[in-house]
Amino acid sequence: AEIEKMIIEIKKPANANNNNIAITEQDSYDWCNCTACKAEQEKYGDCTSANCILFCNDLADVLNATLQEQGIDRVMTVYFFSYLSTISAPAKQNADGTYSPIDETIKCNENVGVIYCPIQANFYYDIDADINSFYEEQMYKWNALCDKVAVWLYQARFRNYFYPYCSWPTIAINARFCYENGANYFFNQDQAGITNPVSFSGLKIYLTAKAAFNCNFNQLE
């Protein structure tokens, strides 16, 4: 039934040029702890993201097979979040410094992508700064697991917009990091749902727009 709902959306004229579907989680650490899910997590380094990879691999296969059966000449890519409880990637660092999957059975299929959302990183600093070393490494790990990596960054303090969040010096640097590490999509979330943004939000939106077109621009000029 859910596959049919997806196909209804895919066939809408407004989605004629959209070949991506996102299966994303809510703003919560809650995750299924049933015996089956826990077994899969433990098999792949105690990573809850392993459940997402396995599920989306199966979903993408079934969805695209169903599209072909119905004579719909489309190939869809299914994206999932790496966010909060699924931030860790089931990959390992090798002796030569490269990264590879914990197990070859846990790689994303060609029609599955990840949206990497390191919301707990400190964007006062570059992603590759020491304070963000965990989140830097996850980016390398996701690249070892998936050929389609999108990145969702942040530049606001969502619990209190009036509290300064001076991330503007790192916007172009972090966009460049994403580009150099294979990101095929870049989004930098700022304040939302308010009429008059504060804490230099307008400046950060401007710099993000510039970085999206050219991550090598000099934002100090």
N, C-alpha and C. Protein backbone atom coordinates (compact mmCIF):
# COMPACT_ATOMS: atom_id res chain seq x y z
N ALA A 1 0.82 -1.21 0.00
CA ALA A 1 0.00 0.00 0.00
C ALA A 1 0.86 1.26 0.00
N GLU A 2 1.93 1.26 0.77
CA GLU A 2 2.81 2.43 0.82
C GLU A 2 3.51 2.65 -0.51
N ILE A 3 3.88 1.57 -1.18
CA ILE A 3 4.50 1.68 -2.50
C ILE A 3 3.54 2.35 -3.47
N GLU A 4 2.28 1.96 -3.42
CA GLU A 4 1.29 2.55 -4.32
C GLU A 4 1.11 4.04 -4.02
N LYS A 5 1.15 4.41 -2.75
CA LYS A 5 1.07 5.83 -2.40
C LYS A 5 2.24 6.61 -2.99
N MET A 6 3.43 6.02 -2.93
CA MET A 6 4.61 6.66 -3.51
C MET A 6 4.45 6.84 -5.01
N ILE A 7 3.93 5.81 -5.67
CA ILE A 7 3.78 5.87 -7.12
C ILE A 7 2.76 6.93 -7.52
N ILE A 8 1.70 7.08 -6.73
CA ILE A 8 0.73 8.15 -7.00
C ILE A 8 1.43 9.51 -6.98
N GLU A 9 2.30 9.72 -5.99
CA GLU A 9 3.04 10.99 -5.91
C GLU A 9 4.01 11.13 -7.08
N ILE A 10 4.69 10.06 -7.42
CA ILE A 10 5.66 10.09 -8.52
C ILE A 10 5.00 10.49 -9.83
N LYS A 11 3.77 10.03 -10.05
CA LYS A 11 3.07 10.25 -11.31
C LYS A 11 2.46 11.65 -11.43
N LYS A 12 2.45 12.40 -10.34
CA LYS A 12 1.88 13.75 -10.41
C LYS A 12 2.74 14.64 -11.31
N PRO A 13 2.12 15.50 -12.14
CA PRO A 13 2.88 16.37 -13.05
C PRO A 13 3.93 17.21 -12.32
N ALA A 14 3.63 17.63 -11.11
CA ALA A 14 4.57 18.46 -10.36
C ALA A 14 5.86 17.72 -10.04
N ASN A 15 5.82 16.38 -10.08
CA ASN A 15 7.00 15.57 -9.76
C ASN A 15 7.62 14.92 -10.98
N ALA A 16 7.28 15.44 -12.16
CA ALA A 16 7.75 14.81 -13.40
C ALA A 16 9.27 14.76 -13.51
N ASN A 17 9.95 15.75 -12.95
CA ASN A 17 11.41 15.81 -13.05
C ASN A 17 12.11 15.48 -11.74
N ASN A 18 11.36 14.94 -10.81
CA ASN A 18 11.92 14.61 -9.49
C ASN A 18 12.09 13.10 -9.38
N ASN A 19 13.32 12.65 -9.32
CA ASN A 19 13.60 11.23 -9.23
C ASN A 19 14.15 10.82 -7.87
N ASN A 20 13.83 11.61 -6.85
CA ASN A 20 14.31 11.33 -5.50
C ASN A 20 13.13 11.25 -4.52
N ILE A 21 13.23 10.33 -3.57
CA ILE A 21 12.26 10.21 -2.48
C ILE A 21 13.06 10.15 -1.18
N ALA A 22 12.61 10.87 -0.17
CA ALA A 22 13.30 10.87 1.12
C ALA A 22 12.46 10.13 2.17
N ILE A 23 13.10 9.20 2.86
CA ILE A 23 12.49 8.49 3.98
C ILE A 23 13.26 8.96 5.22
N THR A 24 12.69 9.91 5.94
CA THR A 24 13.46 10.58 6.99
C THR A 24 12.79 10.45 8.35
N GLU A 25 13.61 10.56 9.39
CA GLU A 25 13.14 10.41 10.76
C GLU A 25 12.80 11.75 11.38
N GLN A 26 12.08 11.73 12.49
CA GLN A 26 11.69 12.94 13.20
C GLN A 26 12.83 13.40 14.12
N ASP A 27 12.61 14.56 14.75
CA ASP A 27 13.61 15.12 15.67
C ASP A 27 13.55 14.40 17.01
N SER A 28 14.06 13.19 17.02
CA SER A 28 13.97 12.35 18.21
C SER A 28 15.05 11.28 18.18
N TYR A 29 15.47 10.84 19.37
CA TYR A 29 16.41 9.74 19.47
C TYR A 29 15.70 8.39 19.58
N ASP A 30 14.37 8.40 19.58
CA ASP A 30 13.63 7.16 19.70
C ASP A 30 13.90 6.26 18.50
N TRP A 31 14.11 4.98 18.77
CA TRP A 31 14.41 4.04 17.70
C TRP A 31 13.90 2.66 18.10
N CYS A 32 13.56 1.87 17.14
CA CYS A 32 13.05 0.53 17.42
C CYS A 32 14.12 -0.33 18.10
N ASN A 33 13.75 -0.92 19.21
CA ASN A 33 14.66 -1.80 19.94
C ASN A 33 14.16 -3.24 19.99
N CYS A 34 13.40 -3.63 18.99
CA CYS A 34 12.93 -5.01 18.93
C CYS A 34 14.13 -5.94 18.72
N THR A 35 13.92 -7.19 18.94
CA THR A 35 15.00 -8.17 18.84
C THR A 35 15.65 -8.18 17.46
N ALA A 36 14.83 -8.11 16.41
CA ALA A 36 15.36 -8.16 15.04
C ALA A 36 16.21 -6.94 14.72
N CYS A 37 15.72 -5.76 15.09
CA CYS A 37 16.46 -4.53 14.81
C CYS A 37 17.76 -4.47 15.61
N LYS A 38 17.69 -4.85 16.88
CA LYS A 38 18.88 -4.84 17.71
C LYS A 38 19.93 -5.80 17.17
N ALA A 39 19.51 -6.94 16.66
CA ALA A 39 20.44 -7.92 16.10
C ALA A 39 21.18 -7.35 14.90
N GLU A 40 20.44 -6.64 14.03
CA GLU A 40 21.08 -6.02 12.87
C GLU A 40 22.05 -4.92 13.30
N GLN A 41 21.66 -4.13 14.28
CA GLN A 41 22.54 -3.06 14.76
C GLN A 41 23.84 -3.64 15.30
N GLU A 42 23.74 -4.66 16.12
CA GLU A 42 24.93 -5.26 16.73
C GLU A 42 25.82 -5.92 15.69
N LYS A 43 25.22 -6.44 14.66
CA LYS A 43 25.98 -7.07 13.58
C LYS A 43 26.85 -6.06 12.86
N TYR A 44 26.37 -4.83 12.79
CA TYR A 44 27.08 -3.78 12.04
C TYR A 44 27.60 -2.68 12.95
N GLY A 45 28.30 -3.06 14.01
CA GLY A 45 28.98 -2.08 14.84
C GLY A 45 28.09 -1.28 15.74
N ASP A 46 26.93 -1.84 16.10
CA ASP A 46 25.96 -1.17 16.98
C ASP A 46 25.49 0.15 16.39
N CYS A 47 25.33 0.18 15.08
CA CYS A 47 24.86 1.39 14.37
C CYS A 47 23.39 1.24 14.00
N THR A 48 22.56 2.14 14.51
CA THR A 48 21.14 2.09 14.13
C THR A 48 20.95 2.43 12.66
N SER A 49 21.92 3.16 12.08
CA SER A 49 21.81 3.51 10.66
C SER A 49 21.83 2.27 9.77
N ALA A 50 22.35 1.15 10.29
CA ALA A 50 22.34 -0.09 9.50
C ALA A 50 20.92 -0.49 9.16
N ASN A 51 19.99 -0.29 10.10
CA ASN A 51 18.57 -0.60 9.83
C ASN A 51 18.06 0.23 8.65
N CYS A 52 18.46 1.51 8.61
CA CYS A 52 18.02 2.39 7.52
C CYS A 52 18.55 1.90 6.18
N ILE A 53 19.83 1.55 6.14
CA ILE A 53 20.44 1.11 4.89
C ILE A 53 19.75 -0.14 4.36
N LEU A 54 19.58 -1.12 5.20
CA LEU A 54 18.97 -2.37 4.77
C LEU A 54 17.53 -2.16 4.31
N PHE A 55 16.78 -1.36 5.07
CA PHE A 55 15.38 -1.10 4.71
C PHE A 55 15.30 -0.35 3.38
N CYS A 56 16.11 0.70 3.22
CA CYS A 56 16.03 1.51 2.00
C CYS A 56 16.55 0.76 0.78
N ASN A 57 17.53 -0.12 0.96
CA ASN A 57 17.96 -0.96 -0.16
C ASN A 57 16.79 -1.80 -0.67
N ASP A 58 16.08 -2.43 0.25
CA ASP A 58 14.92 -3.25 -0.15
C ASP A 58 13.82 -2.39 -0.75
N LEU A 59 13.57 -1.24 -0.12
CA LEU A 59 12.52 -0.35 -0.61
C LEU A 59 12.80 0.12 -2.02
N ALA A 60 14.03 0.55 -2.29
CA ALA A 60 14.38 1.04 -3.63
C ALA A 60 14.22 -0.05 -4.67
N ASP A 61 14.61 -1.27 -4.34
CA ASP A 61 14.47 -2.39 -5.28
C ASP A 61 13.00 -2.65 -5.60
N VAL A 62 12.17 -2.70 -4.56
CA VAL A 62 10.75 -2.99 -4.77
C VAL A 62 10.07 -1.85 -5.51
N LEU A 63 10.37 -0.61 -5.12
CA LEU A 63 9.74 0.55 -5.76
C LEU A 63 10.08 0.60 -7.24
N ASN A 64 11.34 0.46 -7.59
CA ASN A 64 11.73 0.57 -9.00
C ASN A 64 11.24 -0.62 -9.82
N ALA A 65 11.18 -1.79 -9.21
CA ALA A 65 10.62 -2.95 -9.92
C ALA A 65 9.13 -2.74 -10.20
N THR A 66 8.42 -2.18 -9.24
CA THR A 66 6.99 -1.92 -9.40
C THR A 66 6.75 -0.86 -10.48
N LEU A 67 7.58 0.16 -10.51
CA LEU A 67 7.47 1.18 -11.57
C LEU A 67 7.62 0.55 -12.96
N GLN A 68 8.60 -0.32 -13.11
CA GLN A 68 8.82 -0.98 -14.40
C GLN A 68 7.64 -1.87 -14.76
N GLU A 69 7.10 -2.58 -13.78
CA GLU A 69 5.95 -3.45 -14.03
C GLU A 69 4.74 -2.67 -14.50
N GLN A 70 4.62 -1.42 -14.02
CA GLN A 70 3.48 -0.58 -14.41
C GLN A 70 3.77 0.25 -15.66
N GLY A 71 4.92 0.00 -16.29
CA GLY A 71 5.25 0.71 -17.52
C GLY A 71 5.67 2.15 -17.31
N ILE A 72 6.13 2.48 -16.11
CA ILE A 72 6.57 3.84 -15.81
C ILE A 72 8.09 3.89 -15.94
N ASP A 73 8.57 4.63 -16.93
CA ASP A 73 10.00 4.65 -17.24
C ASP A 73 10.73 5.66 -16.34
N ARG A 74 10.81 5.33 -15.08
CA ARG A 74 11.49 6.17 -14.10
C ARG A 74 12.35 5.28 -13.19
N VAL A 75 13.46 5.81 -12.76
CA VAL A 75 14.28 5.13 -11.75
C VAL A 75 14.43 6.09 -10.58
N MET A 76 13.93 5.71 -9.43
CA MET A 76 13.92 6.58 -8.26
C MET A 76 15.08 6.24 -7.32
N THR A 77 15.61 7.28 -6.71
CA THR A 77 16.62 7.13 -5.65
C THR A 77 15.95 7.41 -4.31
N VAL A 78 16.13 6.51 -3.36
CA VAL A 78 15.56 6.65 -2.03
C VAL A 78 16.66 7.17 -1.09
N TYR A 79 16.41 8.33 -0.49
CA TYR A 79 17.35 8.92 0.47
C TYR A 79 16.83 8.72 1.90
N PHE A 80 17.75 8.54 2.84
CA PHE A 80 17.40 8.48 4.26
C PHE A 80 18.31 9.42 5.03
N PHE A 81 17.88 9.79 6.24
CA PHE A 81 18.66 10.67 7.10
C PHE A 81 19.73 9.90 7.87
N SER A 82 20.90 10.50 7.96
CA SER A 82 21.88 10.15 9.00
C SER A 82 21.80 11.30 9.99
N TYR A 83 21.09 11.10 11.10
CA TYR A 83 20.67 12.21 11.96
C TYR A 83 20.40 11.70 13.37
N LEU A 84 20.89 12.40 14.37
CA LEU A 84 20.69 12.04 15.77
C LEU A 84 21.09 10.58 16.01
N SER A 85 20.13 9.70 16.25
CA SER A 85 20.50 8.32 16.61
C SER A 85 21.08 7.53 15.44
N THR A 86 20.93 8.04 14.21
CA THR A 86 21.49 7.33 13.05
C THR A 86 22.70 8.05 12.47
N ILE A 87 23.33 8.91 13.26
CA ILE A 87 24.44 9.72 12.74
C ILE A 87 25.67 8.87 12.44
N SER A 88 25.90 7.80 13.21
CA SER A 88 27.10 6.97 13.01
C SER A 88 26.93 6.04 11.83
N ALA A 89 27.96 5.97 11.00
CA ALA A 89 27.93 5.12 9.82
C ALA A 89 28.61 3.78 10.11
N PRO A 90 28.05 2.67 9.63
CA PRO A 90 28.65 1.35 9.86
C PRO A 90 29.85 1.09 8.94
N ALA A 91 30.90 1.85 9.17
CA ALA A 91 32.13 1.74 8.38
C ALA A 91 33.33 1.76 9.32
N LYS A 92 34.50 1.44 8.80
CA LYS A 92 35.71 1.36 9.61
C LYS A 92 36.87 2.02 8.88
N GLN A 93 37.85 2.45 9.67
CA GLN A 93 39.06 3.02 9.08
C GLN A 93 40.08 1.90 8.90
N ASN A 94 40.68 1.86 7.73
CA ASN A 94 41.68 0.84 7.43
C ASN A 94 43.07 1.30 7.84
N ALA A 95 44.02 0.38 7.79
CA ALA A 95 45.39 0.68 8.21
C ALA A 95 46.02 1.80 7.38
N ASP A 96 45.59 1.92 6.12
CA ASP A 96 46.16 2.95 5.25
C ASP A 96 45.44 4.28 5.35
N GLY A 97 44.48 4.38 6.28
CA GLY A 97 43.77 5.64 6.49
C GLY A 97 42.49 5.78 5.70
N THR A 98 42.24 4.89 4.77
CA THR A 98 40.99 4.91 4.01
C THR A 98 39.87 4.29 4.84
N TYR A 99 38.66 4.39 4.31
CA TYR A 99 37.49 3.84 5.02
C TYR A 99 36.78 2.82 4.14
N SER A 100 36.16 1.85 4.79
CA SER A 100 35.41 0.83 4.07
C SER A 100 34.26 0.35 4.94
N PRO A 101 33.23 -0.28 4.35
CA PRO A 101 32.11 -0.79 5.15
C PRO A 101 32.57 -1.82 6.16
N ILE A 102 31.89 -1.88 7.29
CA ILE A 102 32.17 -2.93 8.27
C ILE A 102 32.00 -4.30 7.62
N ASP A 103 31.04 -4.38 6.71
CA ASP A 103 30.74 -5.62 6.01
C ASP A 103 30.20 -5.22 4.64
N GLU A 104 30.57 -5.94 3.59
CA GLU A 104 30.14 -5.57 2.24
C GLU A 104 28.63 -5.64 2.07
N THR A 105 27.93 -6.34 2.95
CA THR A 105 26.48 -6.45 2.83
C THR A 105 25.76 -5.20 3.31
N ILE A 106 26.48 -4.24 3.85
CA ILE A 106 25.82 -3.06 4.42
C ILE A 106 26.00 -1.82 3.54
N LYS A 107 26.52 -1.96 2.35
CA LYS A 107 26.65 -0.80 1.46
C LYS A 107 25.29 -0.39 0.89
N CYS A 108 25.15 0.90 0.62
CA CYS A 108 23.93 1.39 -0.03
C CYS A 108 23.91 0.94 -1.48
N ASN A 109 22.75 0.49 -1.94
CA ASN A 109 22.60 0.16 -3.35
C ASN A 109 22.73 1.40 -4.21
N GLU A 110 22.84 1.22 -5.52
CA GLU A 110 23.05 2.34 -6.42
C GLU A 110 21.89 3.33 -6.43
N ASN A 111 20.70 2.87 -6.03
CA ASN A 111 19.53 3.76 -6.01
C ASN A 111 19.14 4.18 -4.60
N VAL A 112 20.13 4.20 -3.70
CA VAL A 112 19.92 4.64 -2.33
C VAL A 112 20.97 5.69 -1.99
N GLY A 113 20.52 6.77 -1.35
CA GLY A 113 21.44 7.83 -0.94
C GLY A 113 21.21 8.22 0.51
N VAL A 114 22.17 8.91 1.08
CA VAL A 114 22.09 9.35 2.48
C VAL A 114 22.10 10.87 2.54
N ILE A 115 21.32 11.43 3.45
CA ILE A 115 21.36 12.86 3.75
C ILE A 115 22.03 12.98 5.12
N TYR A 116 23.28 13.42 5.12
CA TYR A 116 24.07 13.50 6.34
C TYR A 116 23.75 14.81 7.06
N CYS A 117 23.24 14.70 8.31
CA CYS A 117 22.74 15.86 9.05
C CYS A 117 23.42 15.96 10.42
N PRO A 118 24.64 16.48 10.50
CA PRO A 118 25.37 16.54 11.78
C PRO A 118 24.93 17.72 12.65
N ILE A 119 23.71 17.67 13.15
CA ILE A 119 23.14 18.82 13.86
C ILE A 119 23.90 19.14 15.15
N GLN A 120 24.60 18.17 15.71
CA GLN A 120 25.30 18.41 16.97
C GLN A 120 26.74 18.88 16.78
N ALA A 121 27.16 19.04 15.54
CA ALA A 121 28.48 19.62 15.29
C ALA A 121 28.49 21.08 15.71
N ASN A 122 29.67 21.61 15.98
CA ASN A 122 29.81 23.02 16.37
C ASN A 122 30.22 23.82 15.13
N PHE A 123 29.24 24.54 14.56
CA PHE A 123 29.49 25.24 13.31
C PHE A 123 30.11 26.62 13.51
N TYR A 124 30.52 26.92 14.74
CA TYR A 124 31.44 28.04 14.93
C TYR A 124 32.78 27.70 14.29
N TYR A 125 33.01 26.41 14.14
CA TYR A 125 34.29 25.90 13.64
C TYR A 125 34.09 25.14 12.34
N ASP A 126 35.18 24.92 11.62
CA ASP A 126 35.14 24.11 10.40
C ASP A 126 34.77 22.67 10.77
N ILE A 127 34.17 21.96 9.82
CA ILE A 127 33.84 20.56 10.07
C ILE A 127 35.09 19.74 10.35
N ASP A 128 36.20 20.09 9.69
CA ASP A 128 37.42 19.32 9.91
C ASP A 128 38.28 19.87 11.04
N ALA A 129 37.73 20.73 11.90
CA ALA A 129 38.43 21.18 13.11
C ALA A 129 38.41 20.06 14.14
N ASP A 130 39.35 20.11 15.08
CA ASP A 130 39.46 19.04 16.08
C ASP A 130 38.15 18.84 16.85
N ILE A 131 37.47 19.95 17.17
CA ILE A 131 36.26 19.86 17.97
C ILE A 131 35.15 19.10 17.24
N ASN A 132 35.24 19.03 15.92
CA ASN A 132 34.24 18.33 15.11
C ASN A 132 34.78 17.04 14.50
N SER A 133 35.83 16.48 15.08
CA SER A 133 36.51 15.33 14.46
C SER A 133 35.57 14.14 14.27
N PHE A 134 34.65 13.91 15.21
CA PHE A 134 33.71 12.79 15.07
C PHE A 134 32.85 12.97 13.82
N TYR A 135 32.35 14.19 13.60
CA TYR A 135 31.45 14.45 12.48
C TYR A 135 32.21 14.48 11.16
N GLU A 136 33.46 14.92 11.21
CA GLU A 136 34.30 14.84 10.01
C GLU A 136 34.47 13.38 9.59
N GLU A 137 34.77 12.52 10.55
CA GLU A 137 34.99 11.11 10.23
C GLU A 137 33.73 10.44 9.68
N GLN A 138 32.56 10.81 10.20
CA GLN A 138 31.32 10.21 9.70
C GLN A 138 31.13 10.54 8.22
N MET A 139 31.54 11.73 7.81
CA MET A 139 31.44 12.09 6.39
C MET A 139 32.29 11.16 5.54
N TYR A 140 33.50 10.87 5.99
CA TYR A 140 34.36 9.95 5.27
C TYR A 140 33.75 8.55 5.23
N LYS A 141 33.15 8.15 6.35
CA LYS A 141 32.55 6.82 6.41
C LYS A 141 31.36 6.69 5.47
N TRP A 142 30.52 7.74 5.44
CA TRP A 142 29.35 7.66 4.55
C TRP A 142 29.79 7.61 3.08
N ASN A 143 30.87 8.28 2.76
CA ASN A 143 31.39 8.20 1.39
C ASN A 143 31.84 6.79 1.04
N ALA A 144 32.29 6.04 2.04
CA ALA A 144 32.71 4.65 1.80
C ALA A 144 31.51 3.72 1.62
N LEU A 145 30.36 4.15 2.11
CA LEU A 145 29.15 3.32 2.08
C LEU A 145 28.20 3.65 0.95
N CYS A 146 28.31 4.85 0.42
CA CYS A 146 27.26 5.36 -0.46
C CYS A 146 27.84 6.26 -1.55
N ASP A 147 27.35 6.10 -2.78
CA ASP A 147 27.80 6.95 -3.88
C ASP A 147 27.02 8.25 -3.98
N LYS A 148 25.91 8.34 -3.25
CA LYS A 148 25.06 9.53 -3.31
C LYS A 148 24.92 10.10 -1.90
N VAL A 149 25.72 11.13 -1.62
CA VAL A 149 25.74 11.72 -0.28
C VAL A 149 25.30 13.17 -0.37
N ALA A 150 24.21 13.48 0.30
CA ALA A 150 23.75 14.87 0.44
C ALA A 150 24.09 15.33 1.86
N VAL A 151 24.25 16.63 2.05
CA VAL A 151 24.64 17.15 3.37
C VAL A 151 23.68 18.26 3.79
N TRP A 152 23.24 18.18 5.03
CA TRP A 152 22.33 19.17 5.63
C TRP A 152 23.05 19.75 6.85
N LEU A 153 23.50 20.99 6.72
CA LEU A 153 24.20 21.66 7.81
C LEU A 153 23.27 22.64 8.52
N TYR A 154 23.79 23.30 9.55
CA TYR A 154 22.95 24.15 10.39
C TYR A 154 23.69 25.44 10.75
N GLN A 155 22.93 26.54 10.87
CA GLN A 155 23.54 27.81 11.25
C GLN A 155 22.58 28.65 12.11
N ALA A 156 21.89 27.96 13.02
CA ALA A 156 20.99 28.64 13.94
C ALA A 156 20.93 27.86 15.25
N ARG A 157 20.65 28.56 16.32
CA ARG A 157 20.41 27.91 17.61
C ARG A 157 18.89 27.83 17.77
N PHE A 158 18.33 26.68 17.54
CA PHE A 158 16.89 26.56 17.38
C PHE A 158 16.10 26.73 18.67
N ARG A 159 16.72 26.55 19.81
CA ARG A 159 16.00 26.74 21.07
C ARG A 159 15.88 28.21 21.45
N ASN A 160 16.74 29.05 20.87
CA ASN A 160 16.68 30.48 21.18
C ASN A 160 17.34 31.24 20.04
N TYR A 161 16.52 31.77 19.14
CA TYR A 161 17.06 32.47 17.98
C TYR A 161 17.84 33.73 18.36
N PHE A 162 17.53 34.31 19.51
CA PHE A 162 18.22 35.53 19.91
C PHE A 162 19.63 35.26 20.44
N TYR A 163 19.91 34.00 20.75
CA TYR A 163 21.26 33.67 21.22
C TYR A 163 22.18 33.65 20.00
N PRO A 164 23.25 34.46 20.01
CA PRO A 164 24.11 34.55 18.82
C PRO A 164 24.67 33.19 18.41
N TYR A 165 24.63 32.94 17.12
CA TYR A 165 25.24 31.74 16.57
C TYR A 165 26.08 32.19 15.38
N CYS A 166 27.28 32.60 15.69
CA CYS A 166 28.14 33.27 14.69
C CYS A 166 28.88 32.25 13.84
N SER A 167 28.15 31.60 12.97
CA SER A 167 28.75 30.57 12.11
C SER A 167 29.18 31.12 10.75
N TRP A 168 28.96 32.41 10.52
CA TRP A 168 29.22 32.92 9.17
C TRP A 168 30.66 32.76 8.70
N PRO A 169 31.69 32.79 9.58
CA PRO A 169 33.06 32.62 9.06
C PRO A 169 33.33 31.24 8.46
N THR A 170 32.51 30.23 8.81
CA THR A 170 32.80 28.86 8.36
C THR A 170 31.91 28.40 7.21
N ILE A 171 31.00 29.23 6.75
CA ILE A 171 30.01 28.80 5.76
C ILE A 171 30.67 28.33 4.47
N ALA A 172 31.53 29.16 3.88
CA ALA A 172 32.18 28.77 2.63
C ALA A 172 33.14 27.61 2.84
N ILE A 173 33.83 27.61 3.97
CA ILE A 173 34.79 26.54 4.27
C ILE A 173 34.08 25.19 4.37
N ASN A 174 32.96 25.18 5.07
CA ASN A 174 32.23 23.92 5.24
C ASN A 174 31.55 23.48 3.94
N ALA A 175 31.10 24.44 3.15
CA ALA A 175 30.55 24.08 1.84
C ALA A 175 31.63 23.45 0.96
N ARG A 176 32.82 24.01 1.05
CA ARG A 176 33.95 23.45 0.28
C ARG A 176 34.30 22.04 0.76
N PHE A 177 34.28 21.84 2.07
CA PHE A 177 34.54 20.50 2.62
C PHE A 177 33.53 19.49 2.06
N CYS A 178 32.26 19.87 2.04
CA CYS A 178 31.23 18.97 1.52
C CYS A 178 31.47 18.65 0.05
N TYR A 179 31.79 19.69 -0.73
CA TYR A 179 32.03 19.50 -2.16
C TYR A 179 33.23 18.59 -2.40
N GLU A 180 34.31 18.83 -1.67
CA GLU A 180 35.54 18.06 -1.87
C GLU A 180 35.38 16.61 -1.41
N ASN A 181 34.37 16.35 -0.59
CA ASN A 181 34.14 15.00 -0.11
C ASN A 181 32.91 14.35 -0.73
N GLY A 182 32.59 14.80 -1.94
CA GLY A 182 31.63 14.09 -2.76
C GLY A 182 30.17 14.40 -2.57
N ALA A 183 29.82 15.44 -1.82
CA ALA A 183 28.41 15.77 -1.63
C ALA A 183 27.78 16.18 -2.95
N ASN A 184 26.61 15.62 -3.26
CA ASN A 184 25.90 16.01 -4.48
C ASN A 184 24.76 16.98 -4.20
N TYR A 185 24.61 17.35 -2.92
CA TYR A 185 23.56 18.30 -2.52
C TYR A 185 24.03 18.95 -1.23
N PHE A 186 23.78 20.25 -1.12
CA PHE A 186 24.23 21.01 0.05
C PHE A 186 23.11 21.92 0.52
N PHE A 187 22.74 21.79 1.79
CA PHE A 187 21.70 22.63 2.38
C PHE A 187 22.20 23.11 3.74
N ASN A 188 22.03 24.39 4.03
CA ASN A 188 22.50 24.96 5.29
C ASN A 188 21.31 25.65 5.95
N GLN A 189 20.71 25.02 6.95
CA GLN A 189 19.46 25.50 7.54
C GLN A 189 19.68 26.66 8.49
N ASP A 190 18.89 27.70 8.29
CA ASP A 190 18.93 28.86 9.17
C ASP A 190 17.58 28.97 9.90
N GLN A 191 17.30 30.13 10.46
CA GLN A 191 16.07 30.34 11.20
C GLN A 191 14.85 30.20 10.27
N ALA A 192 13.77 29.71 10.84
CA ALA A 192 12.55 29.52 10.05
C ALA A 192 11.34 29.88 10.89
N GLY A 193 10.26 30.29 10.23
CA GLY A 193 9.00 30.53 10.92
C GLY A 193 8.91 31.85 11.64
N ILE A 194 9.84 32.77 11.33
CA ILE A 194 9.78 34.10 11.96
C ILE A 194 9.84 35.17 10.88
N THR A 195 9.22 36.32 11.16
CA THR A 195 9.16 37.41 10.18
C THR A 195 10.46 38.18 10.09
N ASN A 196 11.10 38.40 11.24
CA ASN A 196 12.34 39.19 11.27
C ASN A 196 13.47 38.37 11.86
N PRO A 197 14.26 37.69 11.02
CA PRO A 197 15.37 36.89 11.53
C PRO A 197 16.39 37.77 12.27
N VAL A 198 17.07 37.17 13.23
CA VAL A 198 18.05 37.89 14.05
C VAL A 198 19.40 37.19 13.97
N SER A 199 20.37 37.70 14.72
CA SER A 199 21.71 37.11 14.83
C SER A 199 22.39 36.97 13.46
N PHE A 200 22.33 38.03 12.67
CA PHE A 200 22.98 38.08 11.36
C PHE A 200 22.47 36.98 10.42
N SER A 201 21.22 36.59 10.59
CA SER A 201 20.66 35.54 9.76
C SER A 201 20.69 35.91 8.28
N GLY A 202 20.37 37.17 7.98
CA GLY A 202 20.38 37.61 6.58
C GLY A 202 21.75 37.46 5.94
N LEU A 203 22.79 37.83 6.68
CA LEU A 203 24.15 37.68 6.17
C LEU A 203 24.48 36.22 5.92
N LYS A 204 24.09 35.35 6.84
CA LYS A 204 24.40 33.93 6.68
C LYS A 204 23.65 33.32 5.50
N ILE A 205 22.42 33.76 5.28
CA ILE A 205 21.66 33.27 4.13
C ILE A 205 22.33 33.71 2.84
N TYR A 206 22.79 34.96 2.81
CA TYR A 206 23.49 35.47 1.62
C TYR A 206 24.76 34.67 1.34
N LEU A 207 25.57 34.44 2.38
CA LEU A 207 26.82 33.71 2.20
C LEU A 207 26.56 32.26 1.81
N THR A 208 25.51 31.66 2.34
CA THR A 208 25.17 30.29 1.97
C THR A 208 24.79 30.22 0.50
N ALA A 209 24.02 31.19 0.03
CA ALA A 209 23.64 31.23 -1.39
C ALA A 209 24.87 31.35 -2.28
N LYS A 210 25.81 32.21 -1.88
CA LYS A 210 27.05 32.35 -2.64
C LYS A 210 27.84 31.05 -2.65
N ALA A 211 27.93 30.40 -1.48
CA ALA A 211 28.70 29.17 -1.37
C ALA A 211 28.08 28.03 -2.17
N ALA A 212 26.75 28.04 -2.28
CA ALA A 212 26.08 26.99 -3.04
C ALA A 212 26.43 27.06 -4.53
N PHE A 213 26.69 28.26 -5.02
CA PHE A 213 27.07 28.43 -6.43
C PHE A 213 28.56 28.28 -6.64
N ASN A 214 29.35 28.71 -5.65
CA ASN A 214 30.80 28.65 -5.77
C ASN A 214 31.42 28.57 -4.38
N CYS A 215 31.74 27.34 -3.96
CA CYS A 215 32.26 27.16 -2.60
C CYS A 215 33.69 27.67 -2.45
N ASN A 216 34.32 28.08 -3.56
CA ASN A 216 35.69 28.59 -3.49
C ASN A 216 35.76 30.12 -3.41
N PHE A 217 34.61 30.77 -3.29
CA PHE A 217 34.65 32.23 -3.22
C PHE A 217 35.26 32.69 -1.88
N ASN A 218 35.82 33.87 -1.90
CA ASN A 218 36.43 34.44 -0.70
C ASN A 218 35.39 35.28 0.01
N GLN A 219 34.82 34.78 1.10
CA GLN A 219 33.73 35.48 1.76
C GLN A 219 34.20 36.67 2.58
N LEU A 220 35.51 36.87 2.72
CA LEU A 220 36.02 38.03 3.43
C LEU A 220 36.12 39.26 2.53
N GLU A 221 35.99 39.05 1.25
CA GLU A 221 36.08 40.19 0.32
C GLU A 221 34.80 41.00 0.32
